Amino acid sequence: MRAMISTLAWGLFCACSWTWCIGMYLPKIMLDRFGWAGFLVFAIPNVVGCSLFAYVVARRQRSAASVAKHGGMMVVFSIVTVAYHLFFITYLLDALCPLTGNHAQIAPIAAVVMLLAGMGLSLLPNAIWLFIAVLLYLFSLIVFGTLGLGAWDSIPVTGSEPVAELIWLAPIIIIGFLACPYLDATFHRALQYSPSKHAFSIFGVAFGVMIVFTCFMWFTPEPVRWPIILGHLLGQSLFTMGVHLREIRVSTALECPVRRRELMLLPIFAVPVLYIVREISQPMINLGDDIYLRFLGFYGLLFPAYVILFIGPWRTLALSRLNLMGFVILVIGCAPLLEMGFIHQAAWLLVFPVALLVVWAVFRQSAVNENSPSL
């Protein structure tokens, strides 16, 4: 019985920790642009990719070896995730939340306070984090129950862009959600400490419920319900930041504890991004959404490319200086394609980064097979 409860708790832990600002706001963008078809393209690979993580890695020893070898990039993943949340909190309180529209100056202060709170929470042990995860998930279900399904008629069946555009957008979304879990140190922690890898099946169900709830949350027609919605959003963000700050704090990729604490503060530079871009760019209605989508470049290009090139599960490149340089050139060279595809309505360009990665994987595997001795 204790093992079952622990497995359930670790599943809810993963559901609350998984890069939540993507799950909290990207569904709304996909629904606005493509309707329910866009939501499905987001949701299915997200839930399936994360749920498969434990079954692909399979063994605790393999997870520990991956953390030891790729811990540096996992720290980068956590830093970007915390920075993403700090930007999202600022954007949420500055522009998205109807309760704070006349008090936008509180947004950056609140984001900094939440970063400091997350650093404090990062000191908590596993048992306390599991307890918080269960309470937080139950609170989210209460919020869901309070809102009900009244927003169903407000959710667009079709969006502002043709569904055919999803043909170009879907591959990079699928690869991103299939690959990114392997760089999430909180997932590796769950796999190593959970009594059963089936915690990730529980995660799949729990996270699926939450992203469906997110659809109804953003389209609720009653502003009076926004206080409890805001509590849900900020609670989930604080949890995600706290667990990723803990992974930075305890990472063995850097031996110096002072350097690790400095890295925990590094995401604070994401707080003023909205205001800086607002000052230097032309007035734009969707400025915040565009910045939000630019952050997705990390999860759609940088991290998936690293996983495909260096983690596998197929034969991969050695972590040599030459190979890492090639990886950096690949990411920098493809970054403008993501800018055009996500922001400037040229989604067909998103096929090229995906094609480059797939071609590399196929040719690399063919070269390995050719050089392998025949039986």
Protein backbone atom coordinates (compact mmCIF):
# COMPACT_ATOMS: atom_id res chain seq x y z
CA MET A 1 0.00 0.00 0.00
CA ARG A 2 2.82 2.41 0.86
CA ALA A 3 4.46 1.73 -2.51
CA MET A 4 1.19 2.45 -4.33
CA ILE A 5 0.72 5.75 -2.48
CA SER A 6 4.32 6.73 -3.20
CA THR A 7 3.92 5.85 -6.90
CA LEU A 8 0.76 7.95 -7.08
CA ALA A 9 2.49 10.87 -5.34
CA TRP A 10 5.45 10.75 -7.74
CA GLY A 11 3.06 10.72 -10.69
CA LEU A 12 1.36 13.87 -9.37
CA PHE A 13 4.80 15.35 -8.67
CA CYS A 14 5.66 14.98 -12.36
CA ALA A 15 2.27 16.36 -13.40
CA CYS A 16 2.96 19.51 -11.36
CA SER A 17 6.62 19.89 -12.34
CA TRP A 18 6.52 19.38 -16.12
CA THR A 19 7.44 22.82 -17.63
CA TRP A 20 4.06 24.07 -16.55
CA CYS A 21 3.93 27.45 -18.28
CA ILE A 22 3.84 25.51 -21.57
CA GLY A 23 0.87 23.49 -20.35
CA MET A 24 -0.79 26.54 -18.80
CA TYR A 25 -0.83 28.90 -21.78
CA LEU A 26 0.19 27.17 -25.01
CA PRO A 27 -3.17 25.32 -25.19
CA LYS A 28 -4.93 28.70 -25.37
CA ILE A 29 -2.67 29.87 -28.21
CA MET A 30 -3.23 26.63 -30.12
CA LEU A 31 -6.99 26.89 -29.64
CA ASP A 32 -7.03 30.52 -30.75
CA ARG A 33 -5.04 29.70 -33.88
CA PHE A 34 -6.34 26.27 -34.87
CA GLY A 35 -9.27 25.35 -32.64
CA TRP A 36 -9.54 21.86 -31.17
CA ALA A 37 -7.27 20.39 -33.86
CA GLY A 38 -4.44 22.59 -32.57
CA PHE A 39 -5.12 21.51 -29.01
CA LEU A 40 -4.88 17.83 -29.97
CA VAL A 41 -1.57 18.40 -31.80
CA PHE A 42 -0.26 19.96 -28.58
CA ALA A 43 -1.79 17.56 -26.06
CA ILE A 44 -1.29 14.09 -27.54
CA PRO A 45 2.51 14.15 -28.10
CA ASN A 46 2.92 16.02 -24.80
CA VAL A 47 1.17 13.38 -22.71
CA VAL A 48 2.48 10.39 -24.70
CA GLY A 49 6.08 11.61 -24.84
CA CYS A 50 6.31 12.27 -21.12
CA SER A 51 4.52 9.05 -20.17
CA LEU A 52 6.91 6.98 -22.31
CA PHE A 53 9.98 8.50 -20.65
CA ALA A 54 10.18 5.94 -17.84
CA TYR A 55 9.56 3.00 -20.17
CA VAL A 56 12.31 4.07 -22.56
CA VAL A 57 14.90 4.84 -19.88
CA ALA A 58 13.53 1.87 -17.90
CA ARG A 59 16.27 1.43 -15.27
CA ARG A 60 17.29 3.68 -12.40
CA GLN A 61 20.95 3.00 -13.16
CA ARG A 62 20.50 4.18 -16.74
CA SER A 63 18.79 7.34 -15.52
CA ALA A 64 21.60 8.03 -13.02
CA ALA A 65 24.20 7.52 -15.77
CA SER A 66 22.38 9.94 -18.05
CA VAL A 67 22.24 12.57 -15.30
CA ALA A 68 25.96 12.12 -14.63
CA LYS A 69 26.86 12.45 -18.32
CA HIS A 70 24.42 15.16 -19.39
CA GLY A 71 23.96 17.02 -16.12
CA GLY A 72 25.28 20.25 -17.60
CA MET A 73 22.55 20.43 -20.24
CA MET A 74 19.96 19.41 -17.65
CA VAL A 75 21.01 22.44 -15.61
CA VAL A 76 20.53 24.59 -18.73
CA PHE A 77 17.09 23.01 -19.16
CA SER A 78 16.16 23.93 -15.58
CA ILE A 79 17.52 27.48 -15.90
CA VAL A 80 15.51 28.06 -19.08
CA THR A 81 12.39 26.57 -17.48
CA VAL A 82 12.64 28.87 -14.46
CA ALA A 83 13.31 31.86 -16.73
CA TYR A 84 10.31 30.91 -18.86
CA HIS A 85 8.11 30.89 -15.76
CA LEU A 86 9.42 34.24 -14.57
CA PHE A 87 8.60 35.77 -17.94
CA PHE A 88 5.17 34.13 -17.92
CA ILE A 89 4.40 35.37 -14.40
CA THR A 90 5.35 38.89 -15.45
CA TYR A 91 3.25 38.66 -18.60
CA LEU A 92 0.33 37.10 -16.72
CA LEU A 93 0.19 39.83 -14.08
CA ASP A 94 0.98 42.64 -16.51
CA ALA A 95 -1.40 41.86 -19.35
CA LEU A 96 -3.30 38.58 -19.14
CA CYS A 97 -4.97 38.65 -15.74
CA PRO A 98 -8.01 40.97 -15.49
CA LEU A 99 -7.45 41.41 -11.76
CA THR A 100 -4.12 43.20 -12.19
CA GLY A 101 -4.72 45.31 -15.29
CA ASN A 102 -4.54 48.59 -13.36
CA HIS A 103 -1.57 47.57 -11.24
CA ALA A 104 0.94 46.29 -13.79
CA GLN A 105 3.86 47.51 -11.68
CA ILE A 106 3.34 44.60 -9.30
CA ALA A 107 4.20 42.07 -12.03
CA PRO A 108 8.04 42.26 -11.91
CA ILE A 109 8.04 42.51 -8.13
CA ALA A 110 5.82 39.45 -7.84
CA ALA A 111 8.05 37.51 -10.24
CA VAL A 112 11.18 38.29 -8.21
CA VAL A 113 9.41 37.36 -4.96
CA MET A 114 8.35 34.05 -6.48
CA LEU A 115 11.90 33.33 -7.61
CA LEU A 116 13.16 33.90 -4.07
CA ALA A 117 10.33 31.77 -2.69
CA GLY A 118 11.26 29.02 -5.14
CA MET A 119 14.86 29.18 -3.96
CA GLY A 120 13.64 28.70 -0.41
CA LEU A 121 11.43 25.80 -1.41
CA SER A 122 14.37 24.18 -3.21
CA LEU A 123 15.77 23.26 0.21
CA LEU A 124 12.86 20.91 0.95
CA PRO A 125 13.36 17.10 0.91
CA ASN A 126 11.56 14.68 -1.38
CA ALA A 127 8.86 13.74 1.13
CA ILE A 128 7.73 17.33 1.59
CA TRP A 129 7.71 17.92 -2.17
CA LEU A 130 5.48 14.87 -2.68
CA PHE A 131 3.09 16.14 -0.02
CA ILE A 132 2.97 19.57 -1.68
CA ALA A 133 2.41 17.99 -5.10
CA VAL A 134 -0.62 16.04 -3.86
CA LEU A 135 -2.10 19.12 -2.16
CA LEU A 136 -1.45 21.32 -5.19
CA TYR A 137 -3.03 18.84 -7.57
CA LEU A 138 -6.07 18.50 -5.33
CA PHE A 139 -6.36 22.29 -5.21
CA SER A 140 -6.24 22.39 -9.02
CA LEU A 141 -9.05 19.83 -9.17
CA ILE A 142 -11.09 21.98 -6.78
CA VAL A 143 -10.52 24.97 -9.06
CA PHE A 144 -11.60 22.85 -12.04
CA GLY A 145 -14.73 21.77 -10.19
CA THR A 146 -15.50 25.35 -9.22
CA LEU A 147 -15.23 26.58 -12.81
CA GLY A 148 -17.19 23.69 -14.26
CA LEU A 149 -17.78 23.32 -17.99
CA GLY A 150 -19.47 26.66 -18.51
CA ALA A 151 -16.75 27.83 -20.89
CA TRP A 152 -17.43 25.03 -23.39
CA ASP A 153 -19.36 27.27 -25.77
CA SER A 154 -16.62 29.92 -25.63
CA ILE A 155 -13.85 27.59 -26.81
CA PRO A 156 -13.32 28.03 -30.57
CA VAL A 157 -13.92 24.92 -32.66
CA THR A 158 -11.84 26.43 -35.47
CA GLY A 159 -9.18 29.09 -35.05
CA SER A 160 -7.91 32.15 -36.85
CA GLU A 161 -5.51 30.15 -39.03
CA PRO A 162 -6.25 27.26 -41.41
CA VAL A 163 -5.90 23.81 -39.92
CA ALA A 164 -3.68 22.87 -42.88
CA GLU A 165 -0.90 24.92 -41.26
CA LEU A 166 -0.70 22.24 -38.56
CA ILE A 167 0.90 19.93 -41.12
CA TRP A 168 4.03 22.08 -40.93
CA LEU A 169 3.78 22.82 -37.21
CA ALA A 170 3.08 19.31 -35.94
CA PRO A 171 6.51 17.68 -36.55
CA ILE A 172 8.48 20.16 -34.46
CA ILE A 173 5.89 20.00 -31.67
CA ILE A 174 5.94 16.20 -31.67
CA ILE A 175 9.74 15.94 -31.65
CA GLY A 176 9.96 18.59 -28.93
CA PHE A 177 7.58 16.84 -26.57
CA LEU A 178 9.06 13.40 -27.30
CA ALA A 179 12.64 14.55 -26.65
CA CYS A 180 12.55 17.17 -23.88
CA PRO A 181 11.63 14.83 -20.98
CA TYR A 182 15.10 13.24 -21.20
CA LEU A 183 16.66 16.55 -20.11
CA ASP A 184 14.21 17.17 -17.28
CA ALA A 185 16.10 16.39 -14.08
CA THR A 186 12.83 16.29 -12.10
CA PHE A 187 11.69 13.37 -14.28
CA HIS A 188 14.95 11.55 -13.64
CA ARG A 189 14.50 12.14 -9.92
CA ALA A 190 10.99 10.68 -10.09
CA LEU A 191 12.20 7.62 -12.00
CA GLN A 192 15.05 7.01 -9.56
CA TYR A 193 13.01 7.44 -6.37
CA SER A 194 9.55 6.19 -7.31
CA PRO A 195 8.81 2.56 -6.36
CA SER A 196 7.48 1.98 -9.87
CA LYS A 197 8.00 3.46 -13.30
CA HIS A 198 4.21 3.30 -13.67
CA ALA A 199 4.19 6.65 -11.87
CA PHE A 200 4.58 8.08 -15.36
CA SER A 201 1.35 6.44 -16.48
CA ILE A 202 -0.32 8.20 -13.56
CA PHE A 203 1.41 11.37 -14.71
CA GLY A 204 -0.06 10.97 -18.19
CA VAL A 205 -3.63 10.78 -16.88
CA ALA A 206 -3.14 13.55 -14.29
CA PHE A 207 -1.43 15.91 -16.72
CA GLY A 208 -4.05 15.23 -19.40
CA VAL A 209 -6.77 16.30 -16.97
CA MET A 210 -4.89 19.50 -16.18
CA ILE A 211 -4.40 20.61 -19.77
CA VAL A 212 -8.08 20.00 -20.53
CA PHE A 213 -8.88 22.09 -17.46
CA THR A 214 -6.58 24.79 -18.85
CA CYS A 215 -8.77 25.12 -21.94
CA PHE A 216 -11.85 25.84 -19.87
CA MET A 217 -9.90 28.12 -17.53
CA TRP A 218 -8.74 30.57 -20.20
CA PHE A 219 -12.16 30.81 -21.84
CA THR A 220 -14.24 31.18 -18.70
CA PRO A 221 -16.69 34.06 -19.25
CA GLU A 222 -16.87 35.10 -15.60
CA PRO A 223 -14.08 37.45 -14.36
CA VAL A 224 -15.32 36.91 -10.80
CA ARG A 225 -13.65 33.48 -10.91
CA TRP A 226 -10.22 34.82 -11.78
CA PRO A 227 -8.91 35.03 -8.18
CA ILE A 228 -9.01 31.25 -7.83
CA ILE A 229 -7.66 30.81 -11.38
CA LEU A 230 -4.76 33.11 -10.55
CA GLY A 231 -4.06 31.09 -7.42
CA HIS A 232 -3.91 27.92 -9.52
CA LEU A 233 -1.56 29.45 -12.10
CA LEU A 234 0.83 31.00 -9.59
CA GLY A 235 0.82 27.88 -7.42
CA GLN A 236 1.75 25.65 -10.33
CA SER A 237 4.46 28.08 -11.47
CA LEU A 238 5.96 28.30 -8.00
CA PHE A 239 6.04 24.51 -7.71
CA THR A 240 7.74 24.09 -11.09
CA MET A 241 10.32 26.78 -10.34
CA GLY A 242 11.03 25.32 -6.91
CA VAL A 243 11.71 21.78 -8.15
CA HIS A 244 13.92 22.99 -10.99
CA LEU A 245 15.83 25.35 -8.71
CA ARG A 246 16.44 22.35 -6.46
CA GLU A 247 17.89 20.41 -9.38
CA ILE A 248 20.26 23.31 -10.10
CA ARG A 249 21.24 23.53 -6.42
CA VAL A 250 22.07 19.82 -6.07
CA SER A 251 23.53 19.25 -9.54
CA THR A 252 26.95 17.62 -9.64
CA ALA A 253 27.65 19.14 -13.06
CA LEU A 254 29.27 22.07 -11.21
CA GLU A 255 31.38 21.33 -8.17
CA CYS A 256 31.35 24.88 -6.79
CA PRO A 257 28.24 25.55 -4.64
CA VAL A 258 28.68 29.31 -5.10
CA ARG A 259 28.46 28.88 -8.87
CA ARG A 260 25.30 26.80 -8.48
CA ARG A 261 23.68 29.53 -6.37
CA GLU A 262 24.62 32.08 -9.02
CA LEU A 263 22.95 29.94 -11.65
CA MET A 264 19.81 29.77 -9.51
CA LEU A 265 19.63 33.57 -9.74
CA LEU A 266 20.40 33.73 -13.46
CA PRO A 267 16.74 33.36 -14.60
CA ILE A 268 15.95 36.72 -12.96
CA PHE A 269 17.06 38.38 -16.20
CA ALA A 270 13.85 37.08 -17.81
CA VAL A 271 11.72 39.37 -15.62
CA PRO A 272 12.34 42.64 -17.53
CA VAL A 273 12.26 41.05 -21.00
CA LEU A 274 8.64 42.05 -21.65
CA TYR A 275 9.31 45.69 -20.77
CA ILE A 276 12.59 45.92 -22.70
CA VAL A 277 11.07 44.50 -25.88
CA ARG A 278 8.02 46.72 -25.42
CA GLU A 279 10.28 49.79 -25.32
CA ILE A 280 12.45 48.97 -28.31
CA SER A 281 9.84 47.52 -30.68
CA GLN A 282 6.88 48.92 -32.52
CA PRO A 283 3.56 48.67 -30.67
CA MET A 284 2.23 45.16 -31.21
CA ILE A 285 -1.01 43.61 -30.03
CA ASN A 286 0.51 40.14 -29.59
CA LEU A 287 3.93 41.18 -28.28
CA GLY A 288 3.67 39.07 -25.11
CA ASP A 289 2.47 36.02 -27.02
CA ASP A 290 5.32 36.41 -29.51
CA ILE A 291 7.94 36.47 -26.73
CA TYR A 292 6.24 33.48 -25.14
CA LEU A 293 6.48 31.57 -28.44
CA ARG A 294 10.13 32.53 -28.86
CA PHE A 295 10.89 30.78 -25.56
CA LEU A 296 9.48 27.64 -27.14
CA GLY A 297 12.49 27.64 -29.46
CA PHE A 298 14.47 26.11 -26.61
CA TYR A 299 11.99 23.23 -26.32
CA GLY A 300 11.42 22.89 -30.06
CA LEU A 301 15.05 23.12 -31.24
CA LEU A 302 17.86 23.42 -28.69
CA PHE A 303 16.88 20.65 -26.29
CA PRO A 304 15.46 18.17 -28.85
CA ALA A 305 18.56 18.59 -31.02
CA TYR A 306 20.81 17.80 -28.05
CA VAL A 307 18.75 14.71 -27.17
CA ILE A 308 18.79 13.42 -30.74
CA LEU A 309 22.49 14.06 -31.23
CA PHE A 310 23.90 13.06 -27.85
CA ILE A 311 21.38 11.03 -25.80
CA GLY A 312 19.60 8.65 -28.13
CA PRO A 313 18.26 5.96 -27.46
CA TRP A 314 20.15 5.15 -30.69
CA ARG A 315 23.90 5.39 -31.27
CA THR A 316 24.85 9.02 -30.70
CA LEU A 317 27.75 11.41 -31.04
CA ALA A 318 30.47 11.68 -28.45
CA LEU A 319 30.43 14.84 -26.33
CA SER A 320 33.57 16.14 -28.00
CA ARG A 321 34.38 19.80 -28.55
CA LEU A 322 34.02 19.38 -32.33
CA ASN A 323 30.61 17.72 -32.05
CA LEU A 324 29.37 20.31 -29.57
CA MET A 325 30.53 23.06 -31.91
CA GLY A 326 28.57 21.44 -34.73
CA PHE A 327 25.52 21.24 -32.45
CA VAL A 328 25.79 24.96 -31.65
CA ILE A 329 26.13 25.85 -35.35
CA LEU A 330 23.08 23.72 -36.16
CA VAL A 331 20.96 25.43 -33.49
CA ILE A 332 22.07 28.96 -34.39
CA GLY A 333 21.58 28.29 -38.09
CA CYS A 334 18.06 26.96 -37.60
CA ALA A 335 16.93 29.59 -35.07
CA PRO A 336 15.80 32.10 -37.77
CA LEU A 337 13.59 29.38 -39.26
CA LEU A 338 11.77 29.02 -35.94
CA GLU A 339 11.38 32.81 -35.75
CA MET A 340 9.77 32.86 -39.19
CA GLY A 341 7.70 29.77 -38.55
CA PHE A 342 6.31 30.61 -35.11
CA ILE A 343 6.05 34.40 -35.33
CA HIS A 344 5.85 35.42 -38.98
CA GLN A 345 3.28 32.97 -40.38
CA ALA A 346 5.76 30.92 -42.40
CA ALA A 347 5.10 27.59 -40.69
CA TRP A 348 6.38 25.60 -43.67
CA LEU A 349 9.92 26.66 -42.73
CA LEU A 350 9.66 24.62 -39.53
CA VAL A 351 10.02 21.48 -41.61
CA PHE A 352 13.69 22.17 -42.30
CA PRO A 353 15.06 21.97 -38.72
CA VAL A 354 13.11 18.75 -38.22
CA ALA A 355 14.35 17.36 -41.54
CA LEU A 356 17.98 18.12 -40.66
CA LEU A 357 17.69 16.28 -37.36
CA VAL A 358 15.89 13.30 -38.90
CA VAL A 359 18.38 13.04 -41.77
CA TRP A 360 21.24 13.14 -39.31
CA ALA A 361 19.69 10.40 -37.17
CA VAL A 362 19.05 8.16 -40.20
CA PHE A 363 22.49 8.60 -41.77
CA ARG A 364 24.25 8.27 -38.45
CA GLN A 365 22.45 5.00 -37.73
CA SER A 366 23.20 3.75 -41.25
CA ALA A 367 26.88 4.54 -40.78
CA VAL A 368 26.92 2.66 -37.47
CA ASN A 369 25.22 -0.35 -39.03
CA GLU A 370 27.65 -0.40 -41.97
CA ASN A 371 30.65 -0.30 -39.66
CA SER A 372 29.29 -2.99 -37.37
CA PRO A 373 30.71 -6.50 -37.89
CA SER A 374 28.29 -8.90 -39.57
CA LEU A 375 27.20 -12.05 -37.77
